[in-house]
PDB file of N, CA and C in Angstrom:
ATOM      1  N   MET A   1     121.306 109.974 103.989  1.00  0.00           N
ATOM      2  CA  MET A   1     120.559 109.475 102.921  1.00  0.00           C
ATOM      3  C   MET A   1     120.496 110.751 102.021  1.00  0.00           C
ATOM      4  N   LEU A   2     120.323 111.820 102.554  1.00  0.00           N
ATOM      5  CA  LEU A   2     120.080 113.108 101.651  1.00  0.00           C
ATOM      6  C   LEU A   2     121.494 113.480 100.797  1.00  0.00           C
ATOM      7  N   ASP A   3     122.499 113.429 101.473  1.00  0.00           N
ATOM      8  CA  ASP A   3     123.890 113.609 100.899  1.00  0.00           C
ATOM      9  C   ASP A   3     124.018 112.514  99.785  1.00  0.00           C
ATOM     10  N   GLY A   4     123.688 111.298 100.113  1.00  0.00           N
ATOM     11  CA  GLY A   4     123.976 110.268  99.098  1.00  0.00           C
ATOM     12  C   GLY A   4     123.045 110.612  97.873  1.00  0.00           C
ATOM     13  N   ALA A   5     121.799 110.930  97.986  1.00  0.00           N
ATOM     14  CA  ALA A   5     120.817 111.231  96.983  1.00  0.00           C
ATOM     15  C   ALA A   5     121.230 112.377  96.306  1.00  0.00           C
ATOM     16  N   ALA A   6     121.950 113.358  96.829  1.00  0.00           N
ATOM     17  CA  ALA A   6     122.161 114.610  96.135  1.00  0.00           C
ATOM     18  C   ALA A   6     123.536 114.341  95.354  1.00  0.00           C
ATOM     19  N   ASN A   7     124.171 113.434  95.707  1.00  0.00           N
ATOM     20  CA  ASN A   7     125.662 113.004  94.797  1.00  0.00           C
ATOM     21  C   ASN A   7     125.432 111.882  94.172  1.00  0.00           C
ATOM     22  N   ILE A   8     124.375 111.379  93.915  1.00  0.00           N
ATOM     23  CA  ILE A   8     124.154 110.177  93.110  1.00  0.00           C
ATOM     24  C   ILE A   8     124.704 110.027  91.690  1.00  0.00           C
ATOM     25  N   ASN A   9     124.850 111.244  91.022  1.00  0.00           N
ATOM     26  CA  ASN A   9     125.176 111.272  89.684  1.00  0.00           C
ATOM     27  C   ASN A   9     126.797 111.945  89.703  1.00  0.00           C
ATOM     28  N   SER A  10     127.349 112.166  90.824  1.00  0.00           N
ATOM     29  CA  SER A  10     128.621 112.453  90.822  1.00  0.00           C
ATOM     30  C   SER A  10     129.690 111.565  91.656  1.00  0.00           C
ATOM     31  N   VAL A  11     129.211 110.789  92.555  1.00  0.00           N
ATOM     32  CA  VAL A  11     130.033 109.942  93.244  1.00  0.00           C
ATOM     33  C   VAL A  11     129.602 108.604  92.820  1.00  0.00           C
ATOM     34  N   VAL A  12     130.658 107.750  92.453  1.00  0.00           N
ATOM     35  CA  VAL A  12     130.374 106.475  92.046  1.00  0.00           C
ATOM     36  C   VAL A  12     130.713 105.399  93.123  1.00  0.00           C
ATOM     37  N   LEU A  13     129.494 104.591  93.535  1.00  0.00           N
ATOM     38  CA  LEU A  13     129.625 103.741  94.672  1.00  0.00           C
ATOM     39  C   LEU A  13     130.070 102.393  94.168  1.00  0.00           C
ATOM     40  N   PRO A  14     130.660 101.600  95.061  1.00  0.00           N
ATOM     41  CA  PRO A  14     131.005 100.229  94.603  1.00  0.00           C
ATOM     42  C   PRO A  14     129.621  99.226  94.175  1.00  0.00           C
ATOM     43  N   ASN A  15     130.097  98.217  93.532  1.00  0.00           N
ATOM     44  CA  ASN A  15     128.904  97.003  93.326  1.00  0.00           C
ATOM     45  C   ASN A  15     127.695  97.700  92.415  1.00  0.00           C
ATOM     46  N   GLN A  16     127.941  98.784  91.750  1.00  0.00           N
ATOM     47  CA  GLN A  16     126.972  99.161  90.933  1.00  0.00           C
ATOM     48  C   GLN A  16     125.722  99.739  91.684  1.00  0.00           C
ATOM     49  N   THR A  17     125.999 100.294  92.936  1.00  0.00           N
ATOM     50  CA  THR A  17     125.004 100.760  93.833  1.00  0.00           C
ATOM     51  C   THR A  17     124.272 101.930  93.134  1.00  0.00           C
ATOM     52  N   ASN A  18     125.017 102.769  92.609  1.00  0.00           N
ATOM     53  CA  ASN A  18     124.353 103.894  92.087  1.00  0.00           C
ATOM     54  C   ASN A  18     123.187 103.396  90.988  1.00  0.00           C
ATOM     55  N   ASP A  19     123.384 102.396  90.095  1.00  0.00           N
ATOM     56  CA  ASP A  19     122.332 101.917  89.298  1.00  0.00           C
ATOM     57  C   ASP A  19     121.257 101.056  90.014  1.00  0.00           C
ATOM     58  N   LEU A  20     121.579 100.608  91.108  1.00  0.00           N
ATOM     59  CA  LEU A  20     120.431  99.888  91.905  1.00  0.00           C
ATOM     60  C   LEU A  20     119.588 101.221  92.414  1.00  0.00           C
ATOM     61  N   ILE A  21     120.166 102.255  92.973  1.00  0.00           N
ATOM     62  CA  ILE A  21     119.443 103.359  93.584  1.00  0.00           C
ATOM     63  C   ILE A  21     118.544 103.796  92.371  1.00  0.00           C
ATOM     64  N   ARG A  22     119.118 104.081  91.373  1.00  0.00           N
ATOM     65  CA  ARG A  22     118.299 104.735  90.228  1.00  0.00           C
ATOM     66  C   ARG A  22     117.194 103.615  89.865  1.00  0.00           C
ATOM     67  N   THR A  23     117.421 102.502  89.868  1.00  0.00           N
ATOM     68  CA  THR A  23     116.250 101.652  89.461  1.00  0.00           C
ATOM     69  C   THR A  23     115.236 101.553  90.406  1.00  0.00           C
ATOM     70  N   ILE A  24     115.677 101.638  91.552  1.00  0.00           N
ATOM     71  CA  ILE A  24     114.475 101.556  92.765  1.00  0.00           C
ATOM     72  C   ILE A  24     113.909 102.822  92.763  1.00  0.00           C
ATOM     73  N   ALA A  25     114.601 103.948  92.468  1.00  0.00           N
ATOM     74  CA  ALA A  25     113.840 105.093  92.564  1.00  0.00           C
ATOM     75  C   ALA A  25     112.766 105.177  91.321  1.00  0.00           C
ATOM     76  N   ALA A  26     113.105 104.666  90.208  1.00  0.00           N
ATOM     77  CA  ALA A  26     112.179 104.555  89.124  1.00  0.00           C
ATOM     78  C   ALA A  26     110.934 103.816  89.335  1.00  0.00           C
ATOM     79  N   GLN A  27     111.274 102.707  90.207  1.00  0.00           N
ATOM     80  CA  GLN A  27     110.104 101.887  90.488  1.00  0.00           C
ATOM     81  C   GLN A  27     109.160 102.537  91.347  1.00  0.00           C
ATOM     82  N   VAL A  28     109.809 103.084  92.326  1.00  0.00           N
ATOM     83  CA  VAL A  28     109.069 103.861  93.435  1.00  0.00           C
ATOM     84  C   VAL A  28     108.247 104.858  92.628  1.00  0.00           C
ATOM     85  N   ARG A  29     108.863 105.646  91.690  1.00  0.00           N
ATOM     86  CA  ARG A  29     107.855 106.661  90.967  1.00  0.00           C
ATOM     87  C   ARG A  29     106.840 105.947  90.197  1.00  0.00           C
ATOM     88  N   ASP A  30     106.985 104.660  89.852  1.00  0.00           N
ATOM     89  CA  ASP A  30     105.976 103.997  89.189  1.00  0.00           C
ATOM     90  C   ASP A  30     105.010 103.538  90.091  1.00  0.00           C
ATOM     91  N   GLY A  31     105.288 103.650  91.408  1.00  0.00           N
ATOM     92  CA  GLY A  31     104.197 103.075  92.259  1.00  0.00           C
ATOM     93  C   GLY A  31     104.614 101.908  92.973  1.00  0.00           C
ATOM     94  N   LYS A  32     105.692 101.119  92.881  1.00  0.00           N
ATOM     95  CA  LYS A  32     106.267  99.970  93.640  1.00  0.00           C
ATOM     96  C   LYS A  32     106.420 100.203  94.997  1.00  0.00           C
ATOM     97  N   LYS A  33     105.830  99.395  95.915  1.00  0.00           N
ATOM     98  CA  LYS A  33     106.084  99.530  97.200  1.00  0.00           C
ATOM     99  C   LYS A  33     107.147  98.326  97.831  1.00  0.00           C
ATOM    100  N   TYR A  34     107.960  98.882  98.532  1.00  0.00           N
ATOM    101  CA  TYR A  34     108.888  97.887  99.072  1.00  0.00           C
ATOM    102  C   TYR A  34     108.676  97.726 100.785  1.00  0.00           C
ATOM    103  N   ALA A  35     109.310  96.912 101.223  1.00  0.00           N
ATOM    104  CA  ALA A  35     109.220  96.407 102.630  1.00  0.00           C
ATOM    105  C   ALA A  35     109.588  97.622 103.364  1.00  0.00           C
ATOM    106  N   GLU A  36     109.269  97.452 104.835  1.00  0.00           N
ATOM    107  CA  GLU A  36     109.555  98.684 105.746  1.00  0.00           C
ATOM    108  C   GLU A  36     111.123  98.761 105.823  1.00  0.00           C
ATOM    109  N   LEU A  37     111.627 100.008 106.149  1.00  0.00           N
ATOM    110  CA  LEU A  37     113.114 100.045 106.589  1.00  0.00           C
ATOM    111  C   LEU A  37     113.025  99.751 107.931  1.00  0.00           C
ATOM    112  N   ILE A  38     114.248  99.237 108.339  1.00  0.00           N
ATOM    113  CA  ILE A  38     114.589  98.761 109.846  1.00  0.00           C
ATOM    114  C   ILE A  38     115.472  99.886 110.593  1.00  0.00           C
ATOM    115  N   GLY A  39     114.975 100.135 111.770  1.00  0.00           N
ATOM    116  CA  GLY A  39     115.896 101.089 112.479  1.00  0.00           C
ATOM    117  C   GLY A  39     115.830 100.763 113.970  1.00  0.00           C
ATOM    118  N   VAL A  40     116.717 101.415 114.646  1.00  0.00           N
ATOM    119  CA  VAL A  40     116.870 101.333 116.170  1.00  0.00           C
ATOM    120  C   VAL A  40     116.760 102.618 116.691  1.00  0.00           C
ATOM    121  N   ALA A  41     116.192 102.674 117.830  1.00  0.00           N
ATOM    122  CA  ALA A  41     116.085 104.072 118.628  1.00  0.00           C
ATOM    123  C   ALA A  41     117.155 104.387 118.883  1.00  0.00           C
ATOM    124  N   GLY A  42     117.754 105.706 118.779  1.00  0.00           N
ATOM    125  CA  GLY A  42     118.727 106.449 119.024  1.00  0.00           C
ATOM    126  C   GLY A  42     118.678 107.333 120.173  1.00  0.00           C
ATOM    127  N   GLU A  43     119.483 108.229 120.490  1.00  0.00           N
ATOM    128  CA  GLU A  43     119.268 109.050 121.496  1.00  0.00           C
ATOM    129  C   GLU A  43     118.629 110.288 121.017  1.00  0.00           C
ATOM    130  N   ASP A  44     117.757 110.997 121.974  1.00  0.00           N
ATOM    131  CA  ASP A  44     117.165 112.412 121.447  1.00  0.00           C
ATOM    132  C   ASP A  44     116.115 112.139 120.130  1.00  0.00           C
ATOM    133  N   CYS A  45     115.643 110.852 120.212  1.00  0.00           N
ATOM    134  CA  CYS A  45     114.556 110.305 119.150  1.00  0.00           C
ATOM    135  C   CYS A  45     114.904 110.173 117.904  1.00  0.00           C
ATOM    136  N   ASP A  46     116.400 110.152 117.583  1.00  0.00           N
ATOM    137  CA  ASP A  46     117.022 109.833 116.391  1.00  0.00           C
ATOM    138  C   ASP A  46     116.728 108.280 116.035  1.00  0.00           C
ATOM    139  N   VAL A  47     116.619 107.990 114.771  1.00  0.00           N
ATOM    140  CA  VAL A  47     116.468 106.555 114.373  1.00  0.00           C
ATOM    141  C   VAL A  47     117.659 106.301 113.704  1.00  0.00           C
ATOM    142  N   ILE A  48     118.303 105.263 113.948  1.00  0.00           N
ATOM    143  CA  ILE A  48     119.575 104.736 113.274  1.00  0.00           C
ATOM    144  C   ILE A  48     119.098 103.714 112.378  1.00  0.00           C
ATOM    145  N   LEU A  49     119.324 103.946 110.991  1.00  0.00           N
ATOM    146  CA  LEU A  49     118.950 102.997 109.966  1.00  0.00           C
ATOM    147  C   LEU A  49     119.882 101.810 110.127  1.00  0.00           C
ATOM    148  N   VAL A  50     119.342 100.550 110.344  1.00  0.00           N
ATOM    149  CA  VAL A  50     119.977  99.111 110.257  1.00  0.00           C
ATOM    150  C   VAL A  50     120.002  98.461 108.923  1.00  0.00           C
ATOM    151  N   GLU A  51     118.905  98.603 108.214  1.00  0.00           N
ATOM    152  CA  GLU A  51     118.543  97.876 106.981  1.00  0.00           C
ATOM    153  C   GLU A  51     117.839  98.707 106.088  1.00  0.00           C
ATOM    154  N   GLY A  52     118.160  98.856 104.732  1.00  0.00           N
ATOM    155  CA  GLY A  52     117.401  99.577 103.880  1.00  0.00           C
ATOM    156  C   GLY A  52     118.046 100.815 103.569  1.00  0.00           C
ATOM    157  N   HIS A  53     119.518 100.920 103.614  1.00  0.00           N
ATOM    158  CA  HIS A  53     120.140 102.048 103.235  1.00  0.00           C
ATOM    159  C   HIS A  53     119.962 102.453 101.468  1.00  0.00           C
ATOM    160  N   VAL A  54     119.999 101.429 100.635  1.00  0.00           N
ATOM    161  CA  VAL A  54     119.826 101.982  99.272  1.00  0.00           C
ATOM    162  C   VAL A  54     118.356 102.163  99.123  1.00  0.00           C
ATOM    163  N   ARG A  55     117.474 101.680  99.580  1.00  0.00           N
ATOM    164  CA  ARG A  55     115.936 102.083  99.408  1.00  0.00           C
ATOM    165  C   ARG A  55     115.833 103.517 100.065  1.00  0.00           C
ATOM    166  N   ALA A  56     116.370 103.665 101.248  1.00  0.00           N
ATOM    167  CA  ALA A  56     116.169 105.064 101.786  1.00  0.00           C
ATOM    168  C   ALA A  56     116.861 106.187 100.835  1.00  0.00           C
ATOM    169  N   THR A  57     117.984 105.808 100.286  1.00  0.00           N
ATOM    170  CA  THR A  57     118.619 106.799  99.315  1.00  0.00           C
ATOM    171  C   THR A  57     117.749 107.071  98.222  1.00  0.00           C
ATOM    172  N   ALA A  58     117.205 105.862  97.510  1.00  0.00           N
ATOM    173  CA  ALA A  58     116.232 105.906  96.453  1.00  0.00           C
ATOM    174  C   ALA A  58     115.116 106.974  96.757  1.00  0.00           C
ATOM    175  N   TYR A  59     114.447 106.850  97.962  1.00  0.00           N
ATOM    176  CA  TYR A  59     113.383 107.470  98.424  1.00  0.00           C
ATOM    177  C   TYR A  59     113.907 108.946  98.510  1.00  0.00           C
ATOM    178  N   ALA A  60     115.049 109.367  99.159  1.00  0.00           N
ATOM    179  CA  ALA A  60     115.407 110.609  99.318  1.00  0.00           C
ATOM    180  C   ALA A  60     115.689 111.272  97.744  1.00  0.00           C
ATOM    181  N   PHE A  61     116.180 110.238  96.771  1.00  0.00           N
ATOM    182  CA  PHE A  61     116.408 110.877  95.537  1.00  0.00           C
ATOM    183  C   PHE A  61     115.317 111.292  94.584  1.00  0.00           C
ATOM    184  N   VAL A  62     114.011 110.447  94.813  1.00  0.00           N
ATOM    185  CA  VAL A  62     113.001 110.857  94.321  1.00  0.00           C
ATOM    186  C   VAL A  62     112.191 111.939  95.222  1.00  0.00           C
ATOM    187  N   GLN A  63     112.627 112.334  96.127  1.00  0.00           N
ATOM    188  CA  GLN A  63     111.950 113.352  97.007  1.00  0.00           C
ATOM    189  C   GLN A  63     110.547 112.891  97.417  1.00  0.00           C
ATOM    190  N   MET A  64     110.431 111.673  97.775  1.00  0.00           N
ATOM    191  CA  MET A  64     108.978 111.078  98.101  1.00  0.00           C
ATOM    192  C   MET A  64     108.262 112.080  99.020  1.00  0.00           C
ATOM    193  N   PRO A  65     107.131 112.450  98.668  1.00  0.00           N
ATOM    194  CA  PRO A  65     106.399 113.329  99.425  1.00  0.00           C
ATOM    195  C   PRO A  65     105.533 112.862 100.507  1.00  0.00           C
ATOM    196  N   GLU A  66     105.459 111.394 100.382  1.00  0.00           N
ATOM    197  CA  GLU A  66     104.686 110.703 101.632  1.00  0.00           C
ATOM    198  C   GLU A  66     105.652 110.035 102.556  1.00  0.00           C
ATOM    199  N   GLN A  67     105.244 109.683 103.667  1.00  0.00           N
ATOM    200  CA  GLN A  67     106.064 109.169 104.714  1.00  0.00           C
ATOM    201  C   GLN A  67     106.272 107.781 104.303  1.00  0.00           C
ATOM    202  N   VAL A  68     107.450 107.400 104.797  1.00  0.00           N
ATOM    203  CA  VAL A  68     108.219 105.957 104.525  1.00  0.00           C
ATOM    204  C   VAL A  68     108.087 105.220 105.795  1.00  0.00           C
ATOM    205  N   GLU A  69     107.588 103.947 105.822  1.00  0.00           N
ATOM    206  CA  GLU A  69     107.492 103.145 107.034  1.00  0.00           C
ATOM    207  C   GLU A  69     108.738 102.471 107.363  1.00  0.00           C
ATOM    208  N   CYS A  70     108.764 102.510 108.831  1.00  0.00           N
ATOM    209  CA  CYS A  70     110.051 102.036 109.312  1.00  0.00           C
ATOM    210  C   CYS A  70     109.826 101.368 110.579  1.00  0.00           C
ATOM    211  N   ILE A  71     110.418 100.116 110.733  1.00  0.00           N
ATOM    212  CA  ILE A  71     110.157  99.404 111.988  1.00  0.00           C
ATOM    213  C   ILE A  71     111.406  99.722 112.734  1.00  0.00           C
ATOM    214  N   VAL A  72     111.057 100.209 114.066  1.00  0.00           N
ATOM    215  CA  VAL A  72     112.013 100.699 115.083  1.00  0.00           C
ATOM    216  C   VAL A  72     111.965  99.827 116.253  1.00  0.00           C
ATOM    217  N   GLY A  73     113.089  99.447 116.581  1.00  0.00           N
ATOM    218  CA  GLY A  73     113.221  98.641 117.824  1.00  0.00           C
ATOM    219  C   GLY A  73     114.195  99.316 118.903  1.00  0.00           C
ATOM    220  N   SER A  74     114.296  98.942 120.046  1.00  0.00           N
ATOM    221  CA  SER A  74     115.241  99.510 120.973  1.00  0.00           C
ATOM    222  C   SER A  74     115.498  98.325 121.993  1.00  0.00           C
ATOM    223  N   SER A  75     116.700  98.730 122.638  1.00  0.00           N
ATOM    224  CA  SER A  75     117.233  97.975 123.773  1.00  0.00           C
ATOM    225  C   SER A  75     118.072  98.684 124.652  1.00  0.00           C
ATOM    226  N   PRO A  76     118.081  98.362 125.883  1.00  0.00           N
ATOM    227  CA  PRO A  76     119.054  99.094 126.927  1.00  0.00           C
ATOM    228  C   PRO A  76     120.379  98.949 126.495  1.00  0.00           C
ATOM    229  N   GLY A  77     120.818  97.869 125.931  1.00  0.00           N
ATOM    230  CA  GLY A  77     122.193  97.312 125.562  1.00  0.00           C
ATOM    231  C   GLY A  77     122.555  97.847 123.978  1.00  0.00           C
ATOM    232  N   MET A  78     121.708  98.520 123.453  1.00  0.00           N
ATOM    233  CA  MET A  78     121.903  99.131 122.052  1.00  0.00           C
ATOM    234  C   MET A  78     123.282  99.886 121.960  1.00  0.00           C
ATOM    235  N   ARG A  79     123.565 100.714 122.852  1.00  0.00           N
ATOM    236  CA  ARG A  79     124.650 101.638 122.909  1.00  0.00           C
ATOM    237  C   ARG A  79     126.068 100.643 122.906  1.00  0.00           C
ATOM    238  N   ASN A  80     125.743  99.455 123.364  1.00  0.00           N
ATOM    239  CA  ASN A  80     127.010  98.319 123.271  1.00  0.00           C
ATOM    240  C   ASN A  80     127.203  97.823 121.987  1.00  0.00           C
ATOM    241  N   TRP A  81     126.375  97.959 121.151  1.00  0.00           N
ATOM    242  CA  TRP A  81     126.515  97.310 119.816  1.00  0.00           C
ATOM    243  C   TRP A  81     127.590  98.172 119.030  1.00  0.00           C
ATOM    244  N   PRO A  82     128.510  97.227 118.295  1.00  0.00           N
ATOM    245  CA  PRO A  82     129.658  97.966 117.740  1.00  0.00           C
ATOM    246  C   PRO A  82     129.224  98.802 116.560  1.00  0.00           C
ATOM    247  N   LEU A  83     128.279  98.711 115.890  1.00  0.00           N
ATOM    248  CA  LEU A  83     127.577  99.606 114.580  1.00  0.00           C
ATOM    249  C   LEU A  83     126.774 100.634 115.217  1.00  0.00           C
ATOM    250  N   TYR A  84     126.572 100.907 116.440  1.00  0.00           N
ATOM    251  CA  TYR A  84     125.620 102.063 116.947  1.00  0.00           C
ATOM    252  C   TYR A  84     126.357 103.367 116.867  1.00  0.00           C
TER     253      TYR A  84
END
């Protein structure tokens, strides 16, 4: 997310994603709250983001000083998930 936020003005993403990130970032600056991000527990206490990539990039873009809430699930079979 940090690399994506740092390159938002130089790398054009498909489906007008850059504009969406900028819009969400502006709304966050104005105080809008969004639903929690959703992640899964990875190895070594890492969290793998499953849902909310655009929001997470927008949060990084505005360098949010506060914590962002994330619902984190886990499963012993998570390593078998194709997108893990």
